[in-house]
Amino acid sequence: MSIRKFYTLYITISMVPLLMLIFPLFEIGNRATPIVMGLPFSFFWVILWIIITFAALIFLYSLDPDNKEEEEDV
């Protein structure tokens, strides 16, 4: 994968969780009525997107072309 394509993918995957946590799209999860794991849904929504972001960054780390070059040098 080229570095330019990787950076495009990185920016896209990084922006999705950010957009889900700011005003217009946060309205999807901004409710208190369903209780999920003992938390109001809005708290669960934020924690869910933090976990999704973490998993996406781990996935991107495995695709990182710079990371693969460092492994080959060792």
PDB file of N, CA and C in Angstrom:
ATOM      1  N   MET A   1       0.848  -1.173   0.000  1.00  0.00           N
ATOM      2  CA  MET A   1       0.000   0.000   0.000  1.00  0.00           C
ATOM      3  C   MET A   1       0.894   1.236   0.000  1.00  0.00           C
ATOM      4  N   SER A   2       0.568   2.191  -0.841  1.00  0.00           N
ATOM      5  CA  SER A   2       1.374   3.409  -0.912  1.00  0.00           C
ATOM      6  C   SER A   2       1.123   4.277   0.324  1.00  0.00           C
ATOM      7  N   ILE A   3       2.082   5.132   0.584  1.00  0.00           N
ATOM      8  CA  ILE A   3       1.973   6.000   1.762  1.00  0.00           C
ATOM      9  C   ILE A   3       0.807   6.968   1.606  1.00  0.00           C
ATOM     10  N   ARG A   4       0.611   7.487   0.402  1.00  0.00           N
ATOM     11  CA  ARG A   4      -0.493   8.426   0.172  1.00  0.00           C
ATOM     12  C   ARG A   4      -1.845   7.748   0.414  1.00  0.00           C
ATOM     13  N   LYS A   5      -2.003   6.533  -0.075  1.00  0.00           N
ATOM     14  CA  LYS A   5      -3.248   5.790   0.131  1.00  0.00           C
ATOM     15  C   LYS A   5      -3.450   5.476   1.613  1.00  0.00           C
ATOM     16  N   PHE A   6      -2.355   5.145   2.308  1.00  0.00           N
ATOM     17  CA  PHE A   6      -2.443   4.868   3.740  1.00  0.00           C
ATOM     18  C   PHE A   6      -2.890   6.109   4.507  1.00  0.00           C
ATOM     19  N   TYR A   7      -2.309   7.264   4.190  1.00  0.00           N
ATOM     20  CA  TYR A   7      -2.687   8.488   4.890  1.00  0.00           C
ATOM     21  C   TYR A   7      -4.143   8.864   4.628  1.00  0.00           C
ATOM     22  N   THR A   8      -4.611   8.644   3.418  1.00  0.00           N
ATOM     23  CA  THR A   8      -6.018   8.898   3.102  1.00  0.00           C
ATOM     24  C   THR A   8      -6.921   7.989   3.935  1.00  0.00           C
ATOM     25  N   LEU A   9      -6.556   6.719   4.016  1.00  0.00           N
ATOM     26  CA  LEU A   9      -7.324   5.771   4.822  1.00  0.00           C
ATOM     27  C   LEU A   9      -7.263   6.144   6.298  1.00  0.00           C
ATOM     28  N   TYR A  10      -6.098   6.552   6.767  1.00  0.00           N
ATOM     29  CA  TYR A  10      -5.911   6.950   8.169  1.00  0.00           C
ATOM     30  C   TYR A  10      -6.799   8.145   8.523  1.00  0.00           C
ATOM     31  N   ILE A  11      -6.797   9.153   7.681  1.00  0.00           N
ATOM     32  CA  ILE A  11      -7.604  10.344   7.945  1.00  0.00           C
ATOM     33  C   ILE A  11      -9.082   9.997   7.926  1.00  0.00           C
ATOM     34  N   THR A  12      -9.506   9.182   6.972  1.00  0.00           N
ATOM     35  CA  THR A  12     -10.916   8.797   6.878  1.00  0.00           C
ATOM     36  C   THR A  12     -11.357   8.016   8.109  1.00  0.00           C
ATOM     37  N   ILE A  13     -10.575   7.021   8.492  1.00  0.00           N
ATOM     38  CA  ILE A  13     -10.939   6.193   9.648  1.00  0.00           C
ATOM     39  C   ILE A  13     -10.860   6.985  10.947  1.00  0.00           C
ATOM     40  N   SER A  14      -9.958   7.941  11.031  1.00  0.00           N
ATOM     41  CA  SER A  14      -9.847   8.758  12.238  1.00  0.00           C
ATOM     42  C   SER A  14     -10.968   9.787  12.360  1.00  0.00           C
ATOM     43  N   MET A  15     -11.475  10.257  11.241  1.00  0.00           N
ATOM     44  CA  MET A  15     -12.508  11.289  11.277  1.00  0.00           C
ATOM     45  C   MET A  15     -13.894  10.739  11.595  1.00  0.00           C
ATOM     46  N   VAL A  16     -14.172   9.501  11.231  1.00  0.00           N
ATOM     47  CA  VAL A  16     -15.503   8.936  11.470  1.00  0.00           C
ATOM     48  C   VAL A  16     -15.852   8.941  12.964  1.00  0.00           C
ATOM     49  N   PRO A  17     -14.998   8.404  13.852  1.00  0.00           N
ATOM     50  CA  PRO A  17     -15.353   8.457  15.284  1.00  0.00           C
ATOM     51  C   PRO A  17     -15.445   9.885  15.816  1.00  0.00           C
ATOM     52  N   LEU A  18     -14.581  10.765  15.334  1.00  0.00           N
ATOM     53  CA  LEU A  18     -14.649  12.157  15.768  1.00  0.00           C
ATOM     54  C   LEU A  18     -15.988  12.774  15.394  1.00  0.00           C
ATOM     55  N   LEU A  19     -16.426  12.533  14.175  1.00  0.00           N
ATOM     56  CA  LEU A  19     -17.704  13.085  13.730  1.00  0.00           C
ATOM     57  C   LEU A  19     -18.880  12.490  14.503  1.00  0.00           C
ATOM     58  N   MET A  20     -18.761  11.239  14.919  1.00  0.00           N
ATOM     59  CA  MET A  20     -19.843  10.614  15.677  1.00  0.00           C
ATOM     60  C   MET A  20     -19.951  11.157  17.102  1.00  0.00           C
ATOM     61  N   LEU A  21     -18.931  11.885  17.566  1.00  0.00           N
ATOM     62  CA  LEU A  21     -18.945  12.414  18.924  1.00  0.00           C
ATOM     63  C   LEU A  21     -19.188  13.916  19.005  1.00  0.00           C
ATOM     64  N   ILE A  22     -19.378  14.587  17.865  1.00  0.00           N
ATOM     65  CA  ILE A  22     -19.666  16.014  17.911  1.00  0.00           C
ATOM     66  C   ILE A  22     -21.122  16.275  17.517  1.00  0.00           C
ATOM     67  N   PHE A  23     -21.555  17.503  17.664  1.00  0.00           N
ATOM     68  CA  PHE A  23     -22.958  17.885  17.702  1.00  0.00           C
ATOM     69  C   PHE A  23     -23.917  17.205  16.727  1.00  0.00           C
ATOM     70  N   PRO A  24     -23.828  17.387  15.436  1.00  0.00           N
ATOM     71  CA  PRO A  24     -24.959  16.892  14.632  1.00  0.00           C
ATOM     72  C   PRO A  24     -25.138  15.383  14.712  1.00  0.00           C
ATOM     73  N   LEU A  25     -24.061  14.626  14.690  1.00  0.00           N
ATOM     74  CA  LEU A  25     -24.185  13.175  14.687  1.00  0.00           C
ATOM     75  C   LEU A  25     -24.300  12.587  16.092  1.00  0.00           C
ATOM     76  N   PHE A  26     -23.906  13.340  17.103  1.00  0.00           N
ATOM     77  CA  PHE A  26     -24.048  12.854  18.476  1.00  0.00           C
ATOM     78  C   PHE A  26     -25.520  12.745  18.862  1.00  0.00           C
ATOM     79  N   GLU A  27     -26.372  13.455  18.170  1.00  0.00           N
ATOM     80  CA  GLU A  27     -27.807  13.398  18.451  1.00  0.00           C
ATOM     81  C   GLU A  27     -28.368  11.988  18.259  1.00  0.00           C
ATOM     82  N   ILE A  28     -27.703  11.154  17.465  1.00  0.00           N
ATOM     83  CA  ILE A  28     -28.135   9.774  17.286  1.00  0.00           C
ATOM     84  C   ILE A  28     -28.097   9.032  18.614  1.00  0.00           C
ATOM     85  N   GLY A  29     -27.042   9.267  19.380  1.00  0.00           N
ATOM     86  CA  GLY A  29     -26.874   8.544  20.639  1.00  0.00           C
ATOM     87  C   GLY A  29     -27.178   9.357  21.877  1.00  0.00           C
ATOM     88  N   ASN A  30     -27.686  10.568  21.721  1.00  0.00           N
ATOM     89  CA  ASN A  30     -27.920  11.434  22.864  1.00  0.00           C
ATOM     90  C   ASN A  30     -29.289  11.173  23.485  1.00  0.00           C
ATOM     91  N   ARG A  31     -29.393  10.059  24.193  1.00  0.00           N
ATOM     92  CA  ARG A  31     -30.621   9.720  24.933  1.00  0.00           C
ATOM     93  C   ARG A  31     -30.224   9.037  26.229  1.00  0.00           C
ATOM     94  N   ALA A  32     -31.120   9.041  27.154  1.00  0.00           N
ATOM     95  CA  ALA A  32     -30.847   8.415  28.433  1.00  0.00           C
ATOM     96  C   ALA A  32     -31.708   7.187  28.673  1.00  0.00           C
ATOM     97  N   THR A  33     -32.753   7.004  27.881  1.00  0.00           N
ATOM     98  CA  THR A  33     -33.722   5.955  28.191  1.00  0.00           C
ATOM     99  C   THR A  33     -33.189   4.533  28.106  1.00  0.00           C
ATOM    100  N   PRO A  34     -32.583   4.065  27.031  1.00  0.00           N
ATOM    101  CA  PRO A  34     -32.096   2.684  27.126  1.00  0.00           C
ATOM    102  C   PRO A  34     -30.845   2.638  28.001  1.00  0.00           C
ATOM    103  N   ILE A  35     -30.850   1.761  28.959  1.00  0.00           N
ATOM    104  CA  ILE A  35     -29.693   1.584  29.841  1.00  0.00           C
ATOM    105  C   ILE A  35     -28.901   0.400  29.296  1.00  0.00           C
ATOM    106  N   VAL A  36     -27.635   0.640  28.970  1.00  0.00           N
ATOM    107  CA  VAL A  36     -26.772  -0.402  28.414  1.00  0.00           C
ATOM    108  C   VAL A  36     -25.625  -0.616  29.391  1.00  0.00           C
ATOM    109  N   MET A  37     -25.516  -1.822  29.903  1.00  0.00           N
ATOM    110  CA  MET A  37     -24.489  -2.180  30.892  1.00  0.00           C
ATOM    111  C   MET A  37     -24.481  -1.213  32.071  1.00  0.00           C
ATOM    112  N   GLY A  38     -25.641  -0.778  32.490  1.00  0.00           N
ATOM    113  CA  GLY A  38     -25.773   0.099  33.647  1.00  0.00           C
ATOM    114  C   GLY A  38     -25.492   1.565  33.365  1.00  0.00           C
ATOM    115  N   LEU A  39     -25.249   1.912  32.109  1.00  0.00           N
ATOM    116  CA  LEU A  39     -24.951   3.300  31.740  1.00  0.00           C
ATOM    117  C   LEU A  39     -26.075   3.866  30.892  1.00  0.00           C
ATOM    118  N   PRO A  40     -26.333   5.168  31.019  1.00  0.00           N
ATOM    119  CA  PRO A  40     -27.252   5.782  30.070  1.00  0.00           C
ATOM    120  C   PRO A  40     -26.683   5.640  28.658  1.00  0.00           C
ATOM    121  N   PHE A  41     -27.532   5.616  27.666  1.00  0.00           N
ATOM    122  CA  PHE A  41     -27.089   5.341  26.303  1.00  0.00           C
ATOM    123  C   PHE A  41     -26.055   6.346  25.812  1.00  0.00           C
ATOM    124  N   SER A  42     -26.154   7.611  26.228  1.00  0.00           N
ATOM    125  CA  SER A  42     -25.185   8.612  25.754  1.00  0.00           C
ATOM    126  C   SER A  42     -23.777   8.292  26.248  1.00  0.00           C
ATOM    127  N   PHE A  43     -23.634   7.821  27.493  1.00  0.00           N
ATOM    128  CA  PHE A  43     -22.310   7.420  27.999  1.00  0.00           C
ATOM    129  C   PHE A  43     -21.811   6.199  27.254  1.00  0.00           C
ATOM    130  N   PHE A  44     -22.705   5.244  27.038  1.00  0.00           N
ATOM    131  CA  PHE A  44     -22.338   4.048  26.301  1.00  0.00           C
ATOM    132  C   PHE A  44     -21.903   4.415  24.891  1.00  0.00           C
ATOM    133  N   TRP A  45     -22.580   5.373  24.241  1.00  0.00           N
ATOM    134  CA  TRP A  45     -22.249   5.819  22.891  1.00  0.00           C
ATOM    135  C   TRP A  45     -20.803   6.334  22.831  1.00  0.00           C
ATOM    136  N   VAL A  46     -20.423   7.164  23.793  1.00  0.00           N
ATOM    137  CA  VAL A  46     -19.070   7.724  23.821  1.00  0.00           C
ATOM    138  C   VAL A  46     -18.043   6.618  24.045  1.00  0.00           C
ATOM    139  N   ILE A  47     -18.281   5.737  24.999  1.00  0.00           N
ATOM    140  CA  ILE A  47     -17.351   4.641  25.278  1.00  0.00           C
ATOM    141  C   ILE A  47     -17.241   3.703  24.079  1.00  0.00           C
ATOM    142  N   LEU A  48     -18.351   3.438  23.419  1.00  0.00           N
ATOM    143  CA  LEU A  48     -18.341   2.588  22.227  1.00  0.00           C
ATOM    144  C   LEU A  48     -17.447   3.177  21.141  1.00  0.00           C
ATOM    145  N   TRP A  49     -17.548   4.465  20.883  1.00  0.00           N
ATOM    146  CA  TRP A  49     -16.738   5.081  19.836  1.00  0.00           C
ATOM    147  C   TRP A  49     -15.277   5.178  20.234  1.00  0.00           C
ATOM    148  N   ILE A  50     -14.972   5.285  21.514  1.00  0.00           N
ATOM    149  CA  ILE A  50     -13.573   5.248  21.957  1.00  0.00           C
ATOM    150  C   ILE A  50     -12.991   3.868  21.683  1.00  0.00           C
ATOM    151  N   ILE A  51     -13.738   2.816  21.961  1.00  0.00           N
ATOM    152  CA  ILE A  51     -13.280   1.453  21.701  1.00  0.00           C
ATOM    153  C   ILE A  51     -13.140   1.205  20.200  1.00  0.00           C
ATOM    154  N   ILE A  52     -14.082   1.680  19.405  1.00  0.00           N
ATOM    155  CA  ILE A  52     -13.997   1.527  17.947  1.00  0.00           C
ATOM    156  C   ILE A  52     -12.771   2.257  17.406  1.00  0.00           C
ATOM    157  N   THR A  53     -12.489   3.447  17.920  1.00  0.00           N
ATOM    158  CA  THR A  53     -11.306   4.195  17.493  1.00  0.00           C
ATOM    159  C   THR A  53     -10.032   3.439  17.831  1.00  0.00           C
ATOM    160  N   PHE A  54      -9.969   2.875  19.021  1.00  0.00           N
ATOM    161  CA  PHE A  54      -8.798   2.101  19.443  1.00  0.00           C
ATOM    162  C   PHE A  54      -8.584   0.905  18.520  1.00  0.00           C
ATOM    163  N   ALA A  55      -9.642   0.174  18.225  1.00  0.00           N
ATOM    164  CA  ALA A  55      -9.533  -0.990  17.338  1.00  0.00           C
ATOM    165  C   ALA A  55      -9.122  -0.568  15.925  1.00  0.00           C
ATOM    166  N   ALA A  56      -9.653   0.542  15.447  1.00  0.00           N
ATOM    167  CA  ALA A  56      -9.301   1.021  14.105  1.00  0.00           C
ATOM    168  C   ALA A  56      -7.836   1.434  14.041  1.00  0.00           C
ATOM    169  N   LEU A  57      -7.328   2.060  15.090  1.00  0.00           N
ATOM    170  CA  LEU A  57      -5.924   2.462  15.097  1.00  0.00           C
ATOM    171  C   LEU A  57      -4.988   1.258  15.167  1.00  0.00           C
ATOM    172  N   ILE A  58      -5.379   0.221  15.884  1.00  0.00           N
ATOM    173  CA  ILE A  58      -4.579  -1.007  15.894  1.00  0.00           C
ATOM    174  C   ILE A  58      -4.559  -1.619  14.494  1.00  0.00           C
ATOM    175  N   PHE A  59      -5.699  -1.633  13.823  1.00  0.00           N
ATOM    176  CA  PHE A  59      -5.781  -2.140  12.456  1.00  0.00           C
ATOM    177  C   PHE A  59      -4.895  -1.318  11.516  1.00  0.00           C
ATOM    178  N   LEU A  60      -4.942   0.003  11.639  1.00  0.00           N
ATOM    179  CA  LEU A  60      -4.128   0.859  10.788  1.00  0.00           C
ATOM    180  C   LEU A  60      -2.644   0.680  11.073  1.00  0.00           C
ATOM    181  N   TYR A  61      -2.289   0.430  12.305  1.00  0.00           N
ATOM    182  CA  TYR A  61      -0.889   0.192  12.654  1.00  0.00           C
ATOM    183  C   TYR A  61      -0.362  -1.041  11.933  1.00  0.00           C
ATOM    184  N   SER A  62      -1.202  -2.057  11.800  1.00  0.00           N
ATOM    185  CA  SER A  62      -0.761  -3.264  11.101  1.00  0.00           C
ATOM    186  C   SER A  62      -0.616  -3.028   9.594  1.00  0.00           C
ATOM    187  N   LEU A  63      -1.308  -2.027   9.046  1.00  0.00           N
ATOM    188  CA  LEU A  63      -1.210  -1.709   7.626  1.00  0.00           C
ATOM    189  C   LEU A  63      -0.146  -0.660   7.313  1.00  0.00           C
ATOM    190  N   ASP A  64       0.410  -0.026   8.326  1.00  0.00           N
ATOM    191  CA  ASP A  64       1.333   1.089   8.145  1.00  0.00           C
ATOM    192  C   ASP A  64       2.564   0.677   7.341  1.00  0.00           C
ATOM    193  N   PRO A  65       2.798   1.318   6.178  1.00  0.00           N
ATOM    194  CA  PRO A  65       3.971   0.951   5.376  1.00  0.00           C
ATOM    195  C   PRO A  65       5.283   1.305   6.071  1.00  0.00           C
ATOM    196  N   ASP A  66       5.329   2.380   6.861  1.00  0.00           N
ATOM    197  CA  ASP A  66       6.548   2.721   7.596  1.00  0.00           C
ATOM    198  C   ASP A  66       6.864   1.668   8.645  1.00  0.00           C
ATOM    199  N   ASN A  67       5.851   1.117   9.266  1.00  0.00           N
ATOM    200  CA  ASN A  67       6.041   0.073  10.270  1.00  0.00           C
ATOM    201  C   ASN A  67       6.654  -1.172   9.636  1.00  0.00           C
ATOM    202  N   LYS A  68       6.222  -1.527   8.449  1.00  0.00           N
ATOM    203  CA  LYS A  68       6.734  -2.709   7.765  1.00  0.00           C
ATOM    204  C   LYS A  68       8.193  -2.515   7.354  1.00  0.00           C
ATOM    205  N   GLU A  69       8.580  -1.289   6.978  1.00  0.00           N
ATOM    206  CA  GLU A  69       9.962  -1.020   6.608  1.00  0.00           C
ATOM    207  C   GLU A  69      10.888  -1.175   7.809  1.00  0.00           C
ATOM    208  N   GLU A  70      10.432  -0.747   8.989  1.00  0.00           N
ATOM    209  CA  GLU A  70      11.249  -0.869  10.201  1.00  0.00           C
ATOM    210  C   GLU A  70      11.439  -2.335  10.569  1.00  0.00           C
ATOM    211  N   GLU A  71      10.423  -3.162  10.385  1.00  0.00           N
ATOM    212  CA  GLU A  71      10.538  -4.581  10.702  1.00  0.00           C
ATOM    213  C   GLU A  71      11.525  -5.286   9.776  1.00  0.00           C
ATOM    214  N   GLU A  72      11.592  -4.877   8.511  1.00  0.00           N
ATOM    215  CA  GLU A  72      12.489  -5.508   7.552  1.00  0.00           C
ATOM    216  C   GLU A  72      13.941  -5.139   7.816  1.00  0.00           C
ATOM    217  N   ASP A  73      14.187  -3.934   8.388  1.00  0.00           N
ATOM    218  CA  ASP A  73      15.547  -3.488   8.665  1.00  0.00           C
ATOM    219  C   ASP A  73      16.177  -4.256   9.818  1.00  0.00           C
ATOM    220  N   VAL A  74      15.399  -4.746  10.727  1.00  0.00           N
ATOM    221  CA  VAL A  74      15.931  -5.412  11.927  1.00  0.00           C
ATOM    222  C   VAL A  74      16.403  -6.798  11.628  1.00  0.00           C
TER     223      VAL A  74
END
